[in-house]
Amino acid sequence: MVLFYLLAVALLGLSSLWPKLVPKPQPVRVETLAEASFEPPAPEPISLNQASLEELMSLPGVGPVLAQRIVEGRPYARVEDLLRVKGIGPATLERLRPYVRP
C-alpha cells in the first residue's frame, strides 16, 4: 500500500513537471524562393468574324446555341455589336470582352 502511495506521488510530481521536461513545439517559419502558384497564360483573343463554332463554344458561357447565333450575326465591326445577338447582355459581353476581337 505504501508502495502504491509513493508511486502515485511520483506520478503526480512527474505530471506537474511534464511541461518543463518536454518543451512545447515552436512555430516554424517557412520561406520560399519562388512563387508556388501557376497562372496559365492569357488566351489569344479570337476573331468573331473568323472563329469556328468549336472555338466560339470554348469561350466561357457560350454554348452551342449561342455560338450558332454569333455565327449567324456576322460580320461584326466592334465587340459591342454582340449586344444585338439574342442571349448576350451587358454582363455576358463584359465576361467575353477579354477573349474576343472583331
PDB file of N, CA and C in Angstrom:
ATOM      1  N   MET A   1       0.808  -1.188   0.000  1.00  0.00           N
ATOM      2  CA  MET A   1       0.000   0.000   0.000  1.00  0.00           C
ATOM      3  C   MET A   1       0.854   1.256   0.000  1.00  0.00           C
ATOM      4  N   VAL A   2       1.919   1.239   0.779  1.00  0.00           N
ATOM      5  CA  VAL A   2       2.822   2.379   0.837  1.00  0.00           C
ATOM      6  C   VAL A   2       3.515   2.551  -0.515  1.00  0.00           C
ATOM      7  N   LEU A   3       3.856   1.436  -1.136  1.00  0.00           N
ATOM      8  CA  LEU A   3       4.497   1.493  -2.445  1.00  0.00           C
ATOM      9  C   LEU A   3       3.564   2.124  -3.479  1.00  0.00           C
ATOM     10  N   PHE A   4       2.295   1.773  -3.414  1.00  0.00           N
ATOM     11  CA  PHE A   4       1.313   2.372  -4.323  1.00  0.00           C
ATOM     12  C   PHE A   4       1.204   3.872  -4.076  1.00  0.00           C
ATOM     13  N   TYR A   5       1.213   4.281  -2.786  1.00  0.00           N
ATOM     14  CA  TYR A   5       1.139   5.707  -2.450  1.00  0.00           C
ATOM     15  C   TYR A   5       2.359   6.450  -2.983  1.00  0.00           C
ATOM     16  N   LEU A   6       3.543   5.889  -2.811  1.00  0.00           N
ATOM     17  CA  LEU A   6       4.769   6.528  -3.324  1.00  0.00           C
ATOM     18  C   LEU A   6       4.755   6.611  -4.854  1.00  0.00           C
ATOM     19  N   LEU A   7       4.270   5.588  -5.510  1.00  0.00           N
ATOM     20  CA  LEU A   7       4.162   5.596  -6.971  1.00  0.00           C
ATOM     21  C   LEU A   7       3.180   6.670  -7.440  1.00  0.00           C
ATOM     22  N   ALA A   8       2.060   6.826  -6.735  1.00  0.00           N
ATOM     23  CA  ALA A   8       1.078   7.847  -7.101  1.00  0.00           C
ATOM     24  C   ALA A   8       1.649   9.249  -6.909  1.00  0.00           C
ATOM     25  N   VAL A   9       2.387   9.475  -5.822  1.00  0.00           N
ATOM     26  CA  VAL A   9       3.006  10.780  -5.588  1.00  0.00           C
ATOM     27  C   VAL A   9       4.059  11.067  -6.650  1.00  0.00           C
ATOM     28  N   ALA A  10       4.822  10.061  -7.032  1.00  0.00           N
ATOM     29  CA  ALA A  10       5.843  10.240  -8.067  1.00  0.00           C
ATOM     30  C   ALA A  10       5.204  10.571  -9.410  1.00  0.00           C
ATOM     31  N   LEU A  11       4.104   9.908  -9.734  1.00  0.00           N
ATOM     32  CA  LEU A  11       3.416  10.186 -10.998  1.00  0.00           C
ATOM     33  C   LEU A  11       2.785  11.576 -10.998  1.00  0.00           C
ATOM     34  N   LEU A  12       2.233  12.007  -9.882  1.00  0.00           N
ATOM     35  CA  LEU A  12       1.685  13.360  -9.806  1.00  0.00           C
ATOM     36  C   LEU A  12       2.786  14.412  -9.935  1.00  0.00           C
ATOM     37  N   GLY A  13       3.925  14.145  -9.299  1.00  0.00           N
ATOM     38  CA  GLY A  13       5.057  15.070  -9.435  1.00  0.00           C
ATOM     39  C   GLY A  13       5.573  15.122 -10.856  1.00  0.00           C
ATOM     40  N   LEU A  14       5.656  13.960 -11.500  1.00  0.00           N
ATOM     41  CA  LEU A  14       6.107  13.918 -12.894  1.00  0.00           C
ATOM     42  C   LEU A  14       5.117  14.617 -13.810  1.00  0.00           C
ATOM     43  N   SER A  15       3.809  14.450 -13.545  1.00  0.00           N
ATOM     44  CA  SER A  15       2.823  15.102 -14.409  1.00  0.00           C
ATOM     45  C   SER A  15       2.837  16.616 -14.229  1.00  0.00           C
ATOM     46  N   SER A  16       3.179  17.097 -13.041  1.00  0.00           N
ATOM     47  CA  SER A  16       3.259  18.549 -12.864  1.00  0.00           C
ATOM     48  C   SER A  16       4.524  19.116 -13.490  1.00  0.00           C
ATOM     49  N   LEU A  17       5.569  18.304 -13.580  1.00  0.00           N
ATOM     50  CA  LEU A  17       6.815  18.763 -14.206  1.00  0.00           C
ATOM     51  C   LEU A  17       6.859  18.488 -15.705  1.00  0.00           C
ATOM     52  N   TRP A  18       5.877  17.769 -16.226  1.00  0.00           N
ATOM     53  CA  TRP A  18       5.886  17.357 -17.644  1.00  0.00           C
ATOM     54  C   TRP A  18       6.050  18.534 -18.622  1.00  0.00           C
ATOM     55  N   PRO A  19       5.345  19.663 -18.448  1.00  0.00           N
ATOM     56  CA  PRO A  19       5.534  20.774 -19.400  1.00  0.00           C
ATOM     57  C   PRO A  19       6.957  21.334 -19.400  1.00  0.00           C
ATOM     58  N   LYS A  20       7.666  21.214 -18.278  1.00  0.00           N
ATOM     59  CA  LYS A  20       9.041  21.707 -18.238  1.00  0.00           C
ATOM     60  C   LYS A  20      10.021  20.689 -18.789  1.00  0.00           C
ATOM     61  N   LEU A  21       9.699  19.403 -18.679  1.00  0.00           N
ATOM     62  CA  LEU A  21      10.588  18.365 -19.189  1.00  0.00           C
ATOM     63  C   LEU A  21      10.485  18.211 -20.706  1.00  0.00           C
ATOM     64  N   VAL A  22       9.288  18.339 -21.219  1.00  0.00           N
ATOM     65  CA  VAL A  22       9.063  18.200 -22.665  1.00  0.00           C
ATOM     66  C   VAL A  22       8.667  19.581 -23.202  1.00  0.00           C
ATOM     67  N   PRO A  23       9.542  20.206 -23.996  1.00  0.00           N
ATOM     68  CA  PRO A  23       9.211  21.549 -24.485  1.00  0.00           C
ATOM     69  C   PRO A  23       8.040  21.528 -25.464  1.00  0.00           C
ATOM     70  N   LYS A  24       7.323  22.641 -25.514  1.00  0.00           N
ATOM     71  CA  LYS A  24       6.206  22.788 -26.444  1.00  0.00           C
ATOM     72  C   LYS A  24       6.752  23.011 -27.855  1.00  0.00           C
ATOM     73  N   PRO A  25       6.046  22.554 -28.853  1.00  0.00           N
ATOM     74  CA  PRO A  25       6.516  22.807 -30.227  1.00  0.00           C
ATOM     75  C   PRO A  25       6.483  24.301 -30.535  1.00  0.00           C
ATOM     76  N   GLN A  26       7.525  24.770 -31.158  1.00  0.00           N
ATOM     77  CA  GLN A  26       7.637  26.175 -31.525  1.00  0.00           C
ATOM     78  C   GLN A  26       7.153  26.353 -32.961  1.00  0.00           C
ATOM     79  N   PRO A  27       6.627  27.539 -33.301  1.00  0.00           N
ATOM     80  CA  PRO A  27       6.213  27.774 -34.687  1.00  0.00           C
ATOM     81  C   PRO A  27       7.420  27.737 -35.622  1.00  0.00           C
ATOM     82  N   VAL A  28       7.171  27.229 -36.804  1.00  0.00           N
ATOM     83  CA  VAL A  28       8.223  27.095 -37.812  1.00  0.00           C
ATOM     84  C   VAL A  28       8.008  28.156 -38.870  1.00  0.00           C
ATOM     85  N   ARG A  29       9.065  28.815 -39.254  1.00  0.00           N
ATOM     86  CA  ARG A  29       8.987  29.833 -40.301  1.00  0.00           C
ATOM     87  C   ARG A  29       9.484  29.238 -41.612  1.00  0.00           C
ATOM     88  N   VAL A  30       8.648  29.303 -42.634  1.00  0.00           N
ATOM     89  CA  VAL A  30       8.978  28.729 -43.937  1.00  0.00           C
ATOM     90  C   VAL A  30       9.137  29.857 -44.934  1.00  0.00           C
ATOM     91  N   GLU A  31      10.238  29.848 -45.653  1.00  0.00           N
ATOM     92  CA  GLU A  31      10.476  30.848 -46.693  1.00  0.00           C
ATOM     93  C   GLU A  31      10.583  30.142 -48.036  1.00  0.00           C
ATOM     94  N   THR A  32       9.941  30.697 -49.019  1.00  0.00           N
ATOM     95  CA  THR A  32      10.033  30.142 -50.364  1.00  0.00           C
ATOM     96  C   THR A  32      10.771  31.121 -51.249  1.00  0.00           C
ATOM     97  N   LEU A  33      11.531  30.581 -52.157  1.00  0.00           N
ATOM     98  CA  LEU A  33      12.300  31.420 -53.060  1.00  0.00           C
ATOM     99  C   LEU A  33      11.540  31.744 -54.332  1.00  0.00           C
ATOM    100  N   ALA A  34      10.589  30.911 -54.690  1.00  0.00           N
ATOM    101  CA  ALA A  34       9.835  31.124 -55.928  1.00  0.00           C
ATOM    102  C   ALA A  34       8.348  31.052 -55.627  1.00  0.00           C
ATOM    103  N   GLU A  35       7.569  31.688 -56.451  1.00  0.00           N
ATOM    104  CA  GLU A  35       6.116  31.649 -56.327  1.00  0.00           C
ATOM    105  C   GLU A  35       5.631  30.245 -56.665  1.00  0.00           C
ATOM    106  N   ALA A  36       4.816  29.666 -55.794  1.00  0.00           N
ATOM    107  CA  ALA A  36       4.370  28.293 -55.981  1.00  0.00           C
ATOM    108  C   ALA A  36       3.126  28.193 -56.862  1.00  0.00           C
ATOM    109  N   SER A  37       2.381  29.277 -57.009  1.00  0.00           N
ATOM    110  CA  SER A  37       1.156  29.198 -57.793  1.00  0.00           C
ATOM    111  C   SER A  37       1.461  29.259 -59.288  1.00  0.00           C
ATOM    112  N   PHE A  38       0.559  28.701 -60.060  1.00  0.00           N
ATOM    113  CA  PHE A  38       0.708  28.681 -61.511  1.00  0.00           C
ATOM    114  C   PHE A  38      -0.473  29.404 -62.132  1.00  0.00           C
ATOM    115  N   GLU A  39      -0.192  30.360 -62.969  1.00  0.00           N
ATOM    116  CA  GLU A  39      -1.243  31.051 -63.708  1.00  0.00           C
ATOM    117  C   GLU A  39      -1.059  30.739 -65.189  1.00  0.00           C
ATOM    118  N   PRO A  40      -2.070  30.173 -65.808  1.00  0.00           N
ATOM    119  CA  PRO A  40      -1.935  29.877 -67.227  1.00  0.00           C
ATOM    120  C   PRO A  40      -1.830  31.170 -68.028  1.00  0.00           C
ATOM    121  N   PRO A  41      -1.160  31.111 -69.157  1.00  0.00           N
ATOM    122  CA  PRO A  41      -1.039  32.323 -69.963  1.00  0.00           C
ATOM    123  C   PRO A  41      -2.404  32.793 -70.468  1.00  0.00           C
ATOM    124  N   ALA A  42      -2.516  34.081 -70.634  1.00  0.00           N
ATOM    125  CA  ALA A  42      -3.783  34.647 -71.121  1.00  0.00           C
ATOM    126  C   ALA A  42      -4.038  34.150 -72.545  1.00  0.00           C
ATOM    127  N   PRO A  43      -5.268  33.726 -72.837  1.00  0.00           N
ATOM    128  CA  PRO A  43      -5.553  33.217 -74.179  1.00  0.00           C
ATOM    129  C   PRO A  43      -5.514  34.345 -75.214  1.00  0.00           C
ATOM    130  N   GLU A  44      -5.143  33.976 -76.408  1.00  0.00           N
ATOM    131  CA  GLU A  44      -5.133  34.919 -77.526  1.00  0.00           C
ATOM    132  C   GLU A  44      -6.591  35.188 -77.912  1.00  0.00           C
ATOM    133  N   PRO A  45      -6.993  36.452 -78.013  1.00  0.00           N
ATOM    134  CA  PRO A  45      -8.386  36.739 -78.392  1.00  0.00           C
ATOM    135  C   PRO A  45      -8.699  36.175 -79.778  1.00  0.00           C
ATOM    136  N   ILE A  46      -9.897  35.596 -79.893  1.00  0.00           N
ATOM    137  CA  ILE A  46     -10.290  35.032 -81.185  1.00  0.00           C
ATOM    138  C   ILE A  46     -11.163  36.040 -81.924  1.00  0.00           C
ATOM    139  N   SER A  47     -11.129  35.956 -83.232  1.00  0.00           N
ATOM    140  CA  SER A  47     -11.898  36.867 -84.067  1.00  0.00           C
ATOM    141  C   SER A  47     -13.341  36.383 -84.163  1.00  0.00           C
ATOM    142  N   LEU A  48     -14.275  37.299 -83.906  1.00  0.00           N
ATOM    143  CA  LEU A  48     -15.696  36.954 -84.013  1.00  0.00           C
ATOM    144  C   LEU A  48     -16.094  36.659 -85.448  1.00  0.00           C
ATOM    145  N   ASN A  49     -15.405  37.261 -86.402  1.00  0.00           N
ATOM    146  CA  ASN A  49     -15.762  37.114 -87.811  1.00  0.00           C
ATOM    147  C   ASN A  49     -15.140  35.880 -88.454  1.00  0.00           C
ATOM    148  N   GLN A  50     -14.115  35.279 -87.820  1.00  0.00           N
ATOM    149  CA  GLN A  50     -13.432  34.144 -88.445  1.00  0.00           C
ATOM    150  C   GLN A  50     -13.454  32.877 -87.605  1.00  0.00           C
ATOM    151  N   ALA A  51     -13.921  32.945 -86.385  1.00  0.00           N
ATOM    152  CA  ALA A  51     -13.876  31.790 -85.481  1.00  0.00           C
ATOM    153  C   ALA A  51     -14.872  30.725 -85.893  1.00  0.00           C
ATOM    154  N   SER A  52     -14.490  29.473 -85.674  1.00  0.00           N
ATOM    155  CA  SER A  52     -15.398  28.364 -85.955  1.00  0.00           C
ATOM    156  C   SER A  52     -16.350  28.177 -84.769  1.00  0.00           C
ATOM    157  N   LEU A  53     -17.342  27.321 -84.962  1.00  0.00           N
ATOM    158  CA  LEU A  53     -18.292  27.042 -83.887  1.00  0.00           C
ATOM    159  C   LEU A  53     -17.581  26.453 -82.660  1.00  0.00           C
ATOM    160  N   GLU A  54     -16.619  25.561 -82.887  1.00  0.00           N
ATOM    161  CA  GLU A  54     -15.897  24.936 -81.775  1.00  0.00           C
ATOM    162  C   GLU A  54     -15.104  25.971 -80.985  1.00  0.00           C
ATOM    163  N   GLU A  55     -14.477  26.917 -81.687  1.00  0.00           N
ATOM    164  CA  GLU A  55     -13.717  27.966 -80.998  1.00  0.00           C
ATOM    165  C   GLU A  55     -14.651  28.855 -80.178  1.00  0.00           C
ATOM    166  N   LEU A  56     -15.808  29.174 -80.740  1.00  0.00           N
ATOM    167  CA  LEU A  56     -16.760  30.011 -80.009  1.00  0.00           C
ATOM    168  C   LEU A  56     -17.334  29.269 -78.803  1.00  0.00           C
ATOM    169  N   MET A  57     -17.558  27.971 -78.923  1.00  0.00           N
ATOM    170  CA  MET A  57     -18.097  27.198 -77.800  1.00  0.00           C
ATOM    171  C   MET A  57     -17.070  27.034 -76.683  1.00  0.00           C
ATOM    172  N   SER A  58     -15.782  27.226 -76.971  1.00  0.00           N
ATOM    173  CA  SER A  58     -14.764  27.118 -75.924  1.00  0.00           C
ATOM    174  C   SER A  58     -14.712  28.357 -75.040  1.00  0.00           C
ATOM    175  N   LEU A  59     -15.415  29.421 -75.445  1.00  0.00           N
ATOM    176  CA  LEU A  59     -15.447  30.636 -74.634  1.00  0.00           C
ATOM    177  C   LEU A  59     -16.312  30.412 -73.395  1.00  0.00           C
ATOM    178  N   PRO A  60     -16.012  31.108 -72.283  1.00  0.00           N
ATOM    179  CA  PRO A  60     -16.806  30.913 -71.066  1.00  0.00           C
ATOM    180  C   PRO A  60     -18.236  31.423 -71.236  1.00  0.00           C
ATOM    181  N   GLY A  61     -19.205  30.575 -70.940  1.00  0.00           N
ATOM    182  CA  GLY A  61     -20.609  30.958 -71.001  1.00  0.00           C
ATOM    183  C   GLY A  61     -21.232  30.878 -72.371  1.00  0.00           C
ATOM    184  N   VAL A  62     -20.516  30.343 -73.354  1.00  0.00           N
ATOM    185  CA  VAL A  62     -21.059  30.241 -74.715  1.00  0.00           C
ATOM    186  C   VAL A  62     -21.310  28.771 -75.014  1.00  0.00           C
ATOM    187  N   GLY A  63     -22.563  28.443 -75.247  1.00  0.00           N
ATOM    188  CA  GLY A  63     -22.945  27.081 -75.599  1.00  0.00           C
ATOM    189  C   GLY A  63     -23.156  26.955 -77.096  1.00  0.00           C
ATOM    190  N   PRO A  64     -23.630  25.810 -77.553  1.00  0.00           N
ATOM    191  CA  PRO A  64     -23.813  25.601 -78.995  1.00  0.00           C
ATOM    192  C   PRO A  64     -24.850  26.535 -79.614  1.00  0.00           C
ATOM    193  N   VAL A  65     -25.944  26.814 -78.908  1.00  0.00           N
ATOM    194  CA  VAL A  65     -26.988  27.675 -79.465  1.00  0.00           C
ATOM    195  C   VAL A  65     -26.475  29.104 -79.590  1.00  0.00           C
ATOM    196  N   LEU A  66     -25.820  29.601 -78.554  1.00  0.00           N
ATOM    197  CA  LEU A  66     -25.301  30.966 -78.590  1.00  0.00           C
ATOM    198  C   LEU A  66     -24.181  31.098 -79.622  1.00  0.00           C
ATOM    199  N   ALA A  67     -23.348  30.074 -79.764  1.00  0.00           N
ATOM    200  CA  ALA A  67     -22.290  30.112 -80.783  1.00  0.00           C
ATOM    201  C   ALA A  67     -22.908  30.176 -82.177  1.00  0.00           C
ATOM    202  N   GLN A  68     -23.980  29.430 -82.398  1.00  0.00           N
ATOM    203  CA  GLN A  68     -24.660  29.468 -83.702  1.00  0.00           C
ATOM    204  C   GLN A  68     -25.245  30.851 -83.963  1.00  0.00           C
ATOM    205  N   ARG A  69     -25.816  31.483 -82.947  1.00  0.00           N
ATOM    206  CA  ARG A  69     -26.361  32.832 -83.125  1.00  0.00           C
ATOM    207  C   ARG A  69     -25.258  33.845 -83.418  1.00  0.00           C
ATOM    208  N   ILE A  70     -24.100  33.673 -82.795  1.00  0.00           N
ATOM    209  CA  ILE A  70     -22.976  34.587 -83.073  1.00  0.00           C
ATOM    210  C   ILE A  70     -22.520  34.432 -84.519  1.00  0.00           C
ATOM    211  N   VAL A  71     -22.467  33.198 -85.001  1.00  0.00           N
ATOM    212  CA  VAL A  71     -22.057  32.955 -86.394  1.00  0.00           C
ATOM    213  C   VAL A  71     -23.072  33.541 -87.357  1.00  0.00           C
ATOM    214  N   GLU A  72     -24.353  33.407 -87.054  1.00  0.00           N
ATOM    215  CA  GLU A  72     -25.398  33.932 -87.940  1.00  0.00           C
ATOM    216  C   GLU A  72     -25.416  35.454 -87.971  1.00  0.00           C
ATOM    217  N   GLY A  73     -24.942  36.110 -86.915  1.00  0.00           N
ATOM    218  CA  GLY A  73     -24.968  37.569 -86.855  1.00  0.00           C
ATOM    219  C   GLY A  73     -23.752  38.242 -87.443  1.00  0.00           C
ATOM    220  N   ARG A  74     -22.883  37.500 -88.121  1.00  0.00           N
ATOM    221  CA  ARG A  74     -21.675  38.086 -88.698  1.00  0.00           C
ATOM    222  C   ARG A  74     -22.028  39.015 -89.834  1.00  0.00           C
ATOM    223  N   PRO A  75     -21.271  40.004 -90.166  1.00  0.00           N
ATOM    224  CA  PRO A  75     -19.973  40.450 -89.654  1.00  0.00           C
ATOM    225  C   PRO A  75     -20.143  41.422 -88.487  1.00  0.00           C
ATOM    226  N   TYR A  76     -19.104  41.493 -87.648  1.00  0.00           N
ATOM    227  CA  TYR A  76     -19.068  42.390 -86.501  1.00  0.00           C
ATOM    228  C   TYR A  76     -17.963  43.410 -86.712  1.00  0.00           C
ATOM    229  N   ALA A  77     -18.293  44.693 -86.564  1.00  0.00           N
ATOM    230  CA  ALA A  77     -17.285  45.742 -86.687  1.00  0.00           C
ATOM    231  C   ALA A  77     -16.637  46.021 -85.329  1.00  0.00           C
ATOM    232  N   ARG A  78     -17.406  45.839 -84.250  1.00  0.00           N
ATOM    233  CA  ARG A  78     -16.898  46.067 -82.889  1.00  0.00           C
ATOM    234  C   ARG A  78     -17.382  44.925 -82.003  1.00  0.00           C
ATOM    235  N   VAL A  79     -16.718  44.769 -80.872  1.00  0.00           N
ATOM    236  CA  VAL A  79     -17.144  43.743 -79.914  1.00  0.00           C
ATOM    237  C   VAL A  79     -18.520  44.079 -79.361  1.00  0.00           C
ATOM    238  N   GLU A  80     -18.845  45.366 -79.239  1.00  0.00           N
ATOM    239  CA  GLU A  80     -20.145  45.781 -78.712  1.00  0.00           C
ATOM    240  C   GLU A  80     -21.304  45.361 -79.621  1.00  0.00           C
ATOM    241  N   ASP A  81     -21.020  45.019 -80.867  1.00  0.00           N
ATOM    242  CA  ASP A  81     -22.071  44.549 -81.769  1.00  0.00           C
ATOM    243  C   ASP A  81     -22.661  43.217 -81.314  1.00  0.00           C
ATOM    244  N   LEU A  82     -21.995  42.528 -80.388  1.00  0.00           N
ATOM    245  CA  LEU A  82     -22.549  41.281 -79.858  1.00  0.00           C
ATOM    246  C   LEU A  82     -23.840  41.514 -79.085  1.00  0.00           C
ATOM    247  N   LEU A  83     -24.079  42.742 -78.652  1.00  0.00           N
ATOM    248  CA  LEU A  83     -25.303  43.037 -77.901  1.00  0.00           C
ATOM    249  C   LEU A  83     -26.563  42.832 -78.737  1.00  0.00           C
ATOM    250  N   ARG A  84     -26.444  42.868 -80.049  1.00  0.00           N
ATOM    251  CA  ARG A  84     -27.626  42.646 -80.880  1.00  0.00           C
ATOM    252  C   ARG A  84     -27.948  41.156 -81.045  1.00  0.00           C
ATOM    253  N   VAL A  85     -27.060  40.274 -80.566  1.00  0.00           N
ATOM    254  CA  VAL A  85     -27.306  38.826 -80.609  1.00  0.00           C
ATOM    255  C   VAL A  85     -28.201  38.452 -79.434  1.00  0.00           C
ATOM    256  N   LYS A  86     -29.267  37.712 -79.715  1.00  0.00           N
ATOM    257  CA  LYS A  86     -30.200  37.297 -78.666  1.00  0.00           C
ATOM    258  C   LYS A  86     -29.464  36.351 -77.709  1.00  0.00           C
ATOM    259  N   GLY A  87     -29.561  36.659 -76.405  1.00  0.00           N
ATOM    260  CA  GLY A  87     -28.910  35.824 -75.398  1.00  0.00           C
ATOM    261  C   GLY A  87     -27.643  36.424 -74.832  1.00  0.00           C
ATOM    262  N   ILE A  88     -27.190  37.540 -75.411  1.00  0.00           N
ATOM    263  CA  ILE A  88     -25.995  38.217 -74.895  1.00  0.00           C
ATOM    264  C   ILE A  88     -26.416  39.574 -74.361  1.00  0.00           C
ATOM    265  N   GLY A  89     -26.191  39.744 -73.072  1.00  0.00           N
ATOM    266  CA  GLY A  89     -26.486  41.018 -72.424  1.00  0.00           C
ATOM    267  C   GLY A  89     -25.190  41.706 -72.019  1.00  0.00           C
ATOM    268  N   PRO A  90     -25.296  42.820 -71.312  1.00  0.00           N
ATOM    269  CA  PRO A  90     -24.097  43.552 -70.901  1.00  0.00           C
ATOM    270  C   PRO A  90     -23.161  42.731 -70.010  1.00  0.00           C
ATOM    271  N   ALA A  91     -23.707  41.909 -69.118  1.00  0.00           N
ATOM    272  CA  ALA A  91     -22.845  41.108 -68.238  1.00  0.00           C
ATOM    273  C   ALA A  91     -22.079  40.057 -69.032  1.00  0.00           C
ATOM    274  N   THR A  92     -22.753  39.405 -69.958  1.00  0.00           N
ATOM    275  CA  THR A  92     -22.088  38.401 -70.800  1.00  0.00           C
ATOM    276  C   THR A  92     -21.051  39.054 -71.696  1.00  0.00           C
ATOM    277  N   LEU A  93     -21.363  40.222 -72.213  1.00  0.00           N
ATOM    278  CA  LEU A  93     -20.408  40.937 -73.064  1.00  0.00           C
ATOM    279  C   LEU A  93     -19.142  41.276 -72.296  1.00  0.00           C
ATOM    280  N   GLU A  94     -19.274  41.731 -71.053  1.00  0.00           N
ATOM    281  CA  GLU A  94     -18.101  42.067 -70.251  1.00  0.00           C
ATOM    282  C   GLU A  94     -17.282  40.822 -69.925  1.00  0.00           C
ATOM    283  N   ARG A  95     -17.945  39.678 -69.754  1.00  0.00           N
ATOM    284  CA  ARG A  95     -17.231  38.432 -69.485  1.00  0.00           C
ATOM    285  C   ARG A  95     -16.484  37.951 -70.726  1.00  0.00           C
ATOM    286  N   LEU A  96     -17.056  38.195 -71.917  1.00  0.00           N
ATOM    287  CA  LEU A  96     -16.421  37.737 -73.167  1.00  0.00           C
ATOM    288  C   LEU A  96     -15.381  38.710 -73.710  1.00  0.00           C
ATOM    289  N   ARG A  97     -15.438  39.968 -73.309  1.00  0.00           N
ATOM    290  CA  ARG A  97     -14.590  41.005 -73.893  1.00  0.00           C
ATOM    291  C   ARG A  97     -13.089  40.651 -73.930  1.00  0.00           C
ATOM    292  N   PRO A  98     -12.477  40.066 -72.874  1.00  0.00           N
ATOM    293  CA  PRO A  98     -11.050  39.760 -72.967  1.00  0.00           C
ATOM    294  C   PRO A  98     -10.712  38.631 -73.938  1.00  0.00           C
ATOM    295  N   TYR A  99     -11.726  37.839 -74.327  1.00  0.00           N
ATOM    296  CA  TYR A  99     -11.463  36.668 -75.150  1.00  0.00           C
ATOM    297  C   TYR A  99     -11.744  36.858 -76.625  1.00  0.00           C
ATOM    298  N   VAL A 100     -12.400  37.957 -77.001  1.00  0.00           N
ATOM    299  CA  VAL A 100     -12.797  38.127 -78.402  1.00  0.00           C
ATOM    300  C   VAL A 100     -12.311  39.466 -78.952  1.00  0.00           C
ATOM    301  N   ARG A 101     -12.238  39.503 -80.268  1.00  0.00           N
ATOM    302  CA  ARG A 101     -11.961  40.743 -81.003  1.00  0.00           C
ATOM    303  C   ARG A 101     -12.810  40.700 -82.269  1.00  0.00           C
ATOM    304  N   PRO A 102     -13.070  41.870 -82.863  1.00  0.00           N
ATOM    305  CA  PRO A 102     -13.924  41.860 -84.067  1.00  0.00           C
ATOM    306  C   PRO A 102     -13.246  41.212 -85.258  1.00  0.00           C
TER     307      PRO A 102
END
